[in-house]
């Protein structure tokens, strides 16, 4: 399945408005030589090696990410349009793993649970 371009666009807007690093769309070569594509990659969130955002509608890419030991999150249709509150809550939930001096001013680190 192709990446969700609306979700990619929303993550690019999130990068600009929330002042966080986002690579959208994201592509990498896996250890087996295959190419992995995702809607977005956030190098400072989710874990020490970042978080990959994948459309919930694409279970195949989610399984490939898991098999490659990549942190990933399956995101629903609400992420096809930038909503500041939703994206901030999501990033708070994923957790900040970037440099302390680069942490966004709005970041609280409060998980959803």
N, C-alpha and C. Protein backbone atom coordinates (compact mmCIF):
# COMPACT_ATOMS: atom_id res chain seq x y z
N UNK A 1 0.84 -1.19 0.00
CA UNK A 1 0.00 0.00 0.00
C UNK A 1 0.89 1.25 0.00
N UNK A 2 0.49 2.25 -0.73
CA UNK A 2 1.23 3.51 -0.80
C UNK A 2 1.02 4.31 0.48
N UNK A 3 1.97 5.20 0.74
CA UNK A 3 1.83 6.02 1.94
C UNK A 3 0.65 6.98 1.80
N UNK A 4 0.11 7.39 2.92
CA UNK A 4 -1.03 8.31 2.98
C UNK A 4 -0.46 9.73 2.87
N UNK A 5 -0.59 10.34 1.72
CA UNK A 5 0.01 11.66 1.49
C UNK A 5 -0.63 12.74 2.34
N UNK A 6 -1.91 12.59 2.68
CA UNK A 6 -2.55 13.57 3.56
C UNK A 6 -1.93 13.53 4.96
N UNK A 7 -1.63 12.33 5.44
CA UNK A 7 -1.00 12.19 6.74
C UNK A 7 0.42 12.76 6.71
N UNK A 8 1.13 12.52 5.62
CA UNK A 8 2.47 13.07 5.46
C UNK A 8 2.43 14.59 5.50
N UNK A 9 1.48 15.18 4.81
CA UNK A 9 1.33 16.63 4.80
C UNK A 9 1.01 17.15 6.19
N UNK A 10 0.16 16.46 6.92
CA UNK A 10 -0.19 16.87 8.28
C UNK A 10 1.03 16.85 9.19
N UNK A 11 1.89 15.83 9.03
CA UNK A 11 3.10 15.76 9.86
C UNK A 11 4.09 16.86 9.48
N UNK A 12 4.15 17.24 8.22
CA UNK A 12 5.02 18.36 7.83
C UNK A 12 4.52 19.66 8.46
N UNK A 13 3.20 19.83 8.50
CA UNK A 13 2.64 21.01 9.15
C UNK A 13 2.93 20.97 10.65
N UNK A 14 2.83 19.79 11.25
CA UNK A 14 3.15 19.65 12.68
C UNK A 14 4.59 20.08 12.95
N UNK A 15 5.50 19.68 12.07
CA UNK A 15 6.91 20.05 12.24
C UNK A 15 7.06 21.57 12.29
N UNK A 16 6.41 22.25 11.37
CA UNK A 16 6.52 23.70 11.30
C UNK A 16 5.84 24.39 12.49
N UNK A 17 4.66 23.95 12.82
CA UNK A 17 3.89 24.63 13.86
C UNK A 17 4.33 24.28 15.27
N UNK A 18 4.77 23.05 15.47
CA UNK A 18 5.18 22.62 16.81
C UNK A 18 6.70 22.71 17.00
N UNK A 19 7.40 23.06 15.95
CA UNK A 19 8.85 23.22 15.97
C UNK A 19 9.56 21.96 16.45
N UNK A 20 9.24 20.85 15.75
CA UNK A 20 9.89 19.56 16.02
C UNK A 20 10.44 19.02 14.71
N UNK A 21 11.41 18.12 14.81
CA UNK A 21 11.99 17.52 13.61
C UNK A 21 11.09 16.39 13.12
N UNK A 22 10.74 16.46 11.84
CA UNK A 22 9.92 15.43 11.20
C UNK A 22 10.47 15.22 9.79
N UNK A 23 10.62 13.96 9.41
CA UNK A 23 10.97 13.61 8.03
C UNK A 23 9.72 12.98 7.44
N UNK A 24 9.09 13.69 6.49
CA UNK A 24 7.82 13.21 5.94
C UNK A 24 7.75 13.56 4.46
N UNK A 25 7.66 12.55 3.60
CA UNK A 25 7.62 11.13 3.89
C UNK A 25 9.01 10.62 4.31
N UNK A 26 9.03 9.38 4.79
CA UNK A 26 10.26 8.78 5.29
C UNK A 26 10.55 7.50 4.52
N UNK A 27 11.82 7.31 4.18
CA UNK A 27 12.23 6.09 3.48
C UNK A 27 13.57 5.63 4.04
N UNK A 28 13.70 4.33 4.25
CA UNK A 28 14.98 3.78 4.71
C UNK A 28 15.18 2.39 4.12
N UNK A 29 16.45 2.00 4.04
CA UNK A 29 16.79 0.66 3.59
C UNK A 29 16.91 -0.24 4.81
N UNK A 30 16.20 -1.37 4.78
CA UNK A 30 16.22 -2.32 5.89
C UNK A 30 17.44 -3.23 5.78
N UNK A 31 17.79 -3.90 6.89
CA UNK A 31 18.95 -4.80 6.87
C UNK A 31 18.89 -5.86 5.77
N UNK A 32 17.66 -6.28 5.39
CA UNK A 32 17.54 -7.29 4.35
C UNK A 32 17.66 -6.71 2.94
N UNK A 33 17.89 -5.39 2.85
CA UNK A 33 18.04 -4.73 1.56
C UNK A 33 16.76 -4.15 1.02
N UNK A 34 15.62 -4.49 1.63
CA UNK A 34 14.35 -3.94 1.20
C UNK A 34 14.20 -2.48 1.59
N UNK A 35 13.35 -1.78 0.91
CA UNK A 35 13.10 -0.37 1.20
C UNK A 35 11.80 -0.26 1.99
N UNK A 36 11.85 0.52 3.07
CA UNK A 36 10.69 0.74 3.92
C UNK A 36 10.28 2.19 3.80
N UNK A 37 8.99 2.43 3.53
CA UNK A 37 8.45 3.78 3.43
C UNK A 37 7.39 3.98 4.49
N UNK A 38 7.33 5.19 5.02
CA UNK A 38 6.33 5.52 6.03
C UNK A 38 5.89 6.97 5.84
N UNK A 39 4.78 7.29 6.46
CA UNK A 39 4.23 8.64 6.37
C UNK A 39 5.18 9.67 7.00
N UNK A 40 5.79 9.30 8.13
CA UNK A 40 6.67 10.25 8.81
C UNK A 40 7.61 9.54 9.77
N UNK A 41 8.72 10.20 10.06
CA UNK A 41 9.67 9.75 11.06
C UNK A 41 9.98 10.93 11.96
N UNK A 42 9.89 10.70 13.27
CA UNK A 42 10.17 11.73 14.25
C UNK A 42 11.38 11.29 15.07
N UNK A 43 12.55 11.78 14.75
CA UNK A 43 13.78 11.28 15.37
C UNK A 43 13.91 11.55 16.86
N UNK A 44 13.16 12.50 17.40
CA UNK A 44 13.30 12.88 18.81
C UNK A 44 12.21 12.32 19.71
N UNK A 45 11.30 11.56 19.19
CA UNK A 45 10.17 11.05 19.97
C UNK A 45 10.09 9.53 19.90
N UNK A 46 9.47 8.93 20.90
CA UNK A 46 9.11 7.52 20.87
C UNK A 46 10.14 6.55 21.39
N UNK A 47 11.40 6.87 21.26
CA UNK A 47 12.47 5.99 21.71
C UNK A 47 13.81 6.56 21.29
N UNK A 48 14.87 5.95 21.72
CA UNK A 48 16.20 6.48 21.41
C UNK A 48 16.53 6.54 19.92
N UNK A 49 15.80 5.78 19.11
CA UNK A 49 16.02 5.80 17.66
C UNK A 49 14.86 6.41 16.91
N UNK A 50 13.96 7.11 17.63
CA UNK A 50 12.86 7.80 16.99
C UNK A 50 11.61 6.95 16.82
N UNK A 51 10.58 7.58 16.26
CA UNK A 51 9.27 6.95 16.05
C UNK A 51 8.85 7.10 14.60
N UNK A 52 8.34 6.02 14.04
CA UNK A 52 7.82 6.02 12.68
C UNK A 52 6.30 6.05 12.75
N UNK A 53 5.69 6.98 12.01
CA UNK A 53 4.23 7.09 11.94
C UNK A 53 3.76 6.38 10.67
N UNK A 54 2.81 5.45 10.86
CA UNK A 54 2.28 4.65 9.75
C UNK A 54 0.76 4.72 9.78
N UNK A 55 0.16 4.79 8.63
CA UNK A 55 -1.29 4.78 8.54
C UNK A 55 -1.86 3.47 9.10
N UNK A 56 -2.88 3.58 9.91
CA UNK A 56 -3.54 2.43 10.52
C UNK A 56 -4.07 1.46 9.46
N UNK A 57 -4.32 1.97 8.29
CA UNK A 57 -4.89 1.17 7.22
C UNK A 57 -3.87 0.25 6.54
N UNK A 58 -2.60 0.31 6.99
CA UNK A 58 -1.56 -0.46 6.32
C UNK A 58 -0.84 -1.38 7.31
N UNK A 59 -1.44 -2.52 7.56
CA UNK A 59 -0.91 -3.48 8.51
C UNK A 59 0.40 -4.12 8.03
N UNK A 60 0.59 -4.21 6.73
CA UNK A 60 1.79 -4.83 6.16
C UNK A 60 3.03 -4.03 6.56
N UNK A 61 2.98 -2.70 6.39
CA UNK A 61 4.14 -1.89 6.76
C UNK A 61 4.37 -1.91 8.26
N UNK A 62 3.32 -1.99 9.05
CA UNK A 62 3.46 -2.08 10.50
C UNK A 62 4.22 -3.34 10.89
N UNK A 63 3.89 -4.45 10.24
CA UNK A 63 4.58 -5.71 10.52
C UNK A 63 6.04 -5.65 10.08
N UNK A 64 6.30 -5.01 8.95
CA UNK A 64 7.69 -4.87 8.49
C UNK A 64 8.50 -4.01 9.46
N UNK A 65 7.90 -2.96 9.98
CA UNK A 65 8.59 -2.10 10.94
C UNK A 65 8.91 -2.88 12.21
N UNK A 66 7.95 -3.65 12.70
CA UNK A 66 8.16 -4.44 13.91
C UNK A 66 9.25 -5.48 13.69
N UNK A 67 9.26 -6.11 12.52
CA UNK A 67 10.27 -7.12 12.23
C UNK A 67 11.68 -6.52 12.17
N UNK A 68 11.76 -5.23 11.84
CA UNK A 68 13.05 -4.55 11.76
C UNK A 68 13.40 -3.85 13.07
N UNK A 69 12.63 -4.11 14.13
CA UNK A 69 12.85 -3.50 15.44
C UNK A 69 12.79 -1.98 15.41
N UNK A 70 11.88 -1.44 14.61
CA UNK A 70 11.67 0.00 14.56
C UNK A 70 10.48 0.36 15.44
N UNK A 71 10.60 1.44 16.22
CA UNK A 71 9.45 1.92 16.98
C UNK A 71 8.49 2.54 15.99
N UNK A 72 7.24 2.09 16.02
CA UNK A 72 6.26 2.65 15.10
C UNK A 72 4.91 2.77 15.80
N UNK A 73 4.11 3.66 15.26
CA UNK A 73 2.76 3.86 15.77
C UNK A 73 1.82 3.89 14.59
N UNK A 74 0.75 3.12 14.69
CA UNK A 74 -0.29 3.12 13.66
C UNK A 74 -1.29 4.22 13.99
N UNK A 75 -1.49 5.13 13.05
CA UNK A 75 -2.33 6.30 13.29
C UNK A 75 -3.57 6.27 12.40
N UNK A 76 -4.68 6.64 12.99
CA UNK A 76 -5.96 6.64 12.29
C UNK A 76 -6.18 7.87 11.43
N UNK A 77 -7.37 7.95 10.88
CA UNK A 77 -7.71 9.01 9.93
C UNK A 77 -7.66 10.40 10.53
N UNK A 78 -7.75 10.54 11.85
CA UNK A 78 -7.68 11.85 12.50
C UNK A 78 -6.34 12.54 12.23
N UNK A 79 -5.33 11.77 11.87
CA UNK A 79 -4.00 12.32 11.63
C UNK A 79 -3.78 12.73 10.18
N UNK A 80 -4.85 12.76 9.40
CA UNK A 80 -4.74 13.21 8.01
C UNK A 80 -4.85 14.73 7.91
N UNK A 81 -5.18 15.36 9.01
CA UNK A 81 -5.30 16.82 9.06
C UNK A 81 -4.65 17.26 10.37
N UNK A 82 -3.83 18.29 10.32
CA UNK A 82 -3.15 18.75 11.52
C UNK A 82 -4.15 19.34 12.51
N UNK A 83 -4.15 18.79 13.71
CA UNK A 83 -4.92 19.31 14.83
C UNK A 83 -3.91 19.48 15.96
N UNK A 84 -3.62 20.71 16.33
CA UNK A 84 -2.53 20.97 17.28
C UNK A 84 -2.68 20.19 18.58
N UNK A 85 -3.86 20.19 19.15
CA UNK A 85 -4.05 19.49 20.43
C UNK A 85 -3.79 17.99 20.28
N UNK A 86 -4.31 17.38 19.23
CA UNK A 86 -4.13 15.94 19.01
C UNK A 86 -2.66 15.60 18.80
N UNK A 87 -1.97 16.36 17.96
CA UNK A 87 -0.57 16.06 17.68
C UNK A 87 0.30 16.29 18.91
N UNK A 88 0.03 17.34 19.67
CA UNK A 88 0.80 17.57 20.90
C UNK A 88 0.56 16.45 21.90
N UNK A 89 -0.67 16.03 22.07
CA UNK A 89 -0.98 14.92 22.99
C UNK A 89 -0.28 13.64 22.55
N UNK A 90 -0.27 13.40 21.26
CA UNK A 90 0.40 12.21 20.72
C UNK A 90 1.88 12.25 21.02
N UNK A 91 2.51 13.38 20.76
CA UNK A 91 3.94 13.51 21.00
C UNK A 91 4.27 13.45 22.49
N UNK A 92 3.43 14.03 23.32
CA UNK A 92 3.61 13.90 24.78
C UNK A 92 3.57 12.42 25.17
N UNK A 93 2.62 11.70 24.61
CA UNK A 93 2.46 10.28 24.93
C UNK A 93 3.66 9.46 24.47
N UNK A 94 4.19 9.77 23.29
CA UNK A 94 5.33 9.03 22.76
C UNK A 94 6.60 9.27 23.58
N UNK A 95 6.71 10.45 24.15
CA UNK A 95 7.87 10.79 24.96
C UNK A 95 8.98 11.43 24.16
N UNK A 96 9.70 12.34 24.82
CA UNK A 96 10.82 13.07 24.21
C UNK A 96 12.11 12.31 24.46
N UNK A 97 12.90 12.09 23.42
CA UNK A 97 14.18 11.41 23.52
C UNK A 97 15.31 12.23 22.90
N UNK A 98 15.00 13.45 22.50
CA UNK A 98 16.01 14.32 21.90
C UNK A 98 16.84 15.02 22.96
N UNK A 99 17.66 15.94 22.51
CA UNK A 99 18.51 16.72 23.41
C UNK A 99 17.66 17.59 24.33
N UNK A 100 18.09 17.71 25.58
CA UNK A 100 17.33 18.51 26.55
C UNK A 100 17.13 19.95 26.09
N UNK A 101 18.15 20.54 25.50
CA UNK A 101 18.05 21.94 25.10
C UNK A 101 17.21 22.14 23.83
N UNK A 102 16.78 21.06 23.19
CA UNK A 102 15.94 21.15 21.99
C UNK A 102 14.48 20.79 22.28
N UNK A 103 14.18 20.43 23.52
CA UNK A 103 12.81 20.04 23.89
C UNK A 103 11.85 21.20 23.62
N UNK A 104 10.72 20.95 22.94
CA UNK A 104 9.76 22.01 22.66
C UNK A 104 9.17 22.58 23.96
N UNK A 105 8.90 23.87 23.96
CA UNK A 105 8.38 24.54 25.16
C UNK A 105 7.04 23.98 25.60
N UNK A 106 6.24 23.45 24.69
CA UNK A 106 4.90 22.96 25.01
C UNK A 106 4.92 21.52 25.54
N UNK A 107 6.05 20.84 25.40
CA UNK A 107 6.13 19.41 25.77
C UNK A 107 5.92 19.22 27.28
N UNK A 108 5.00 18.31 27.64
CA UNK A 108 4.74 18.03 29.05
C UNK A 108 5.16 16.62 29.44
N UNK A 109 5.20 15.71 28.47
CA UNK A 109 5.54 14.32 28.77
C UNK A 109 4.42 13.54 29.42
N UNK A 110 3.23 14.09 29.45
CA UNK A 110 2.08 13.39 30.04
C UNK A 110 1.58 12.32 29.08
N UNK A 111 1.57 11.06 29.53
CA UNK A 111 1.03 9.99 28.68
C UNK A 111 -0.50 10.02 28.70
N UNK A 112 -1.10 9.43 27.67
CA UNK A 112 -2.56 9.36 27.60
C UNK A 112 -3.14 8.44 28.65
N UNK A 113 -2.41 7.43 29.04
CA UNK A 113 -2.94 6.43 29.97
C UNK A 113 -3.07 6.99 31.37
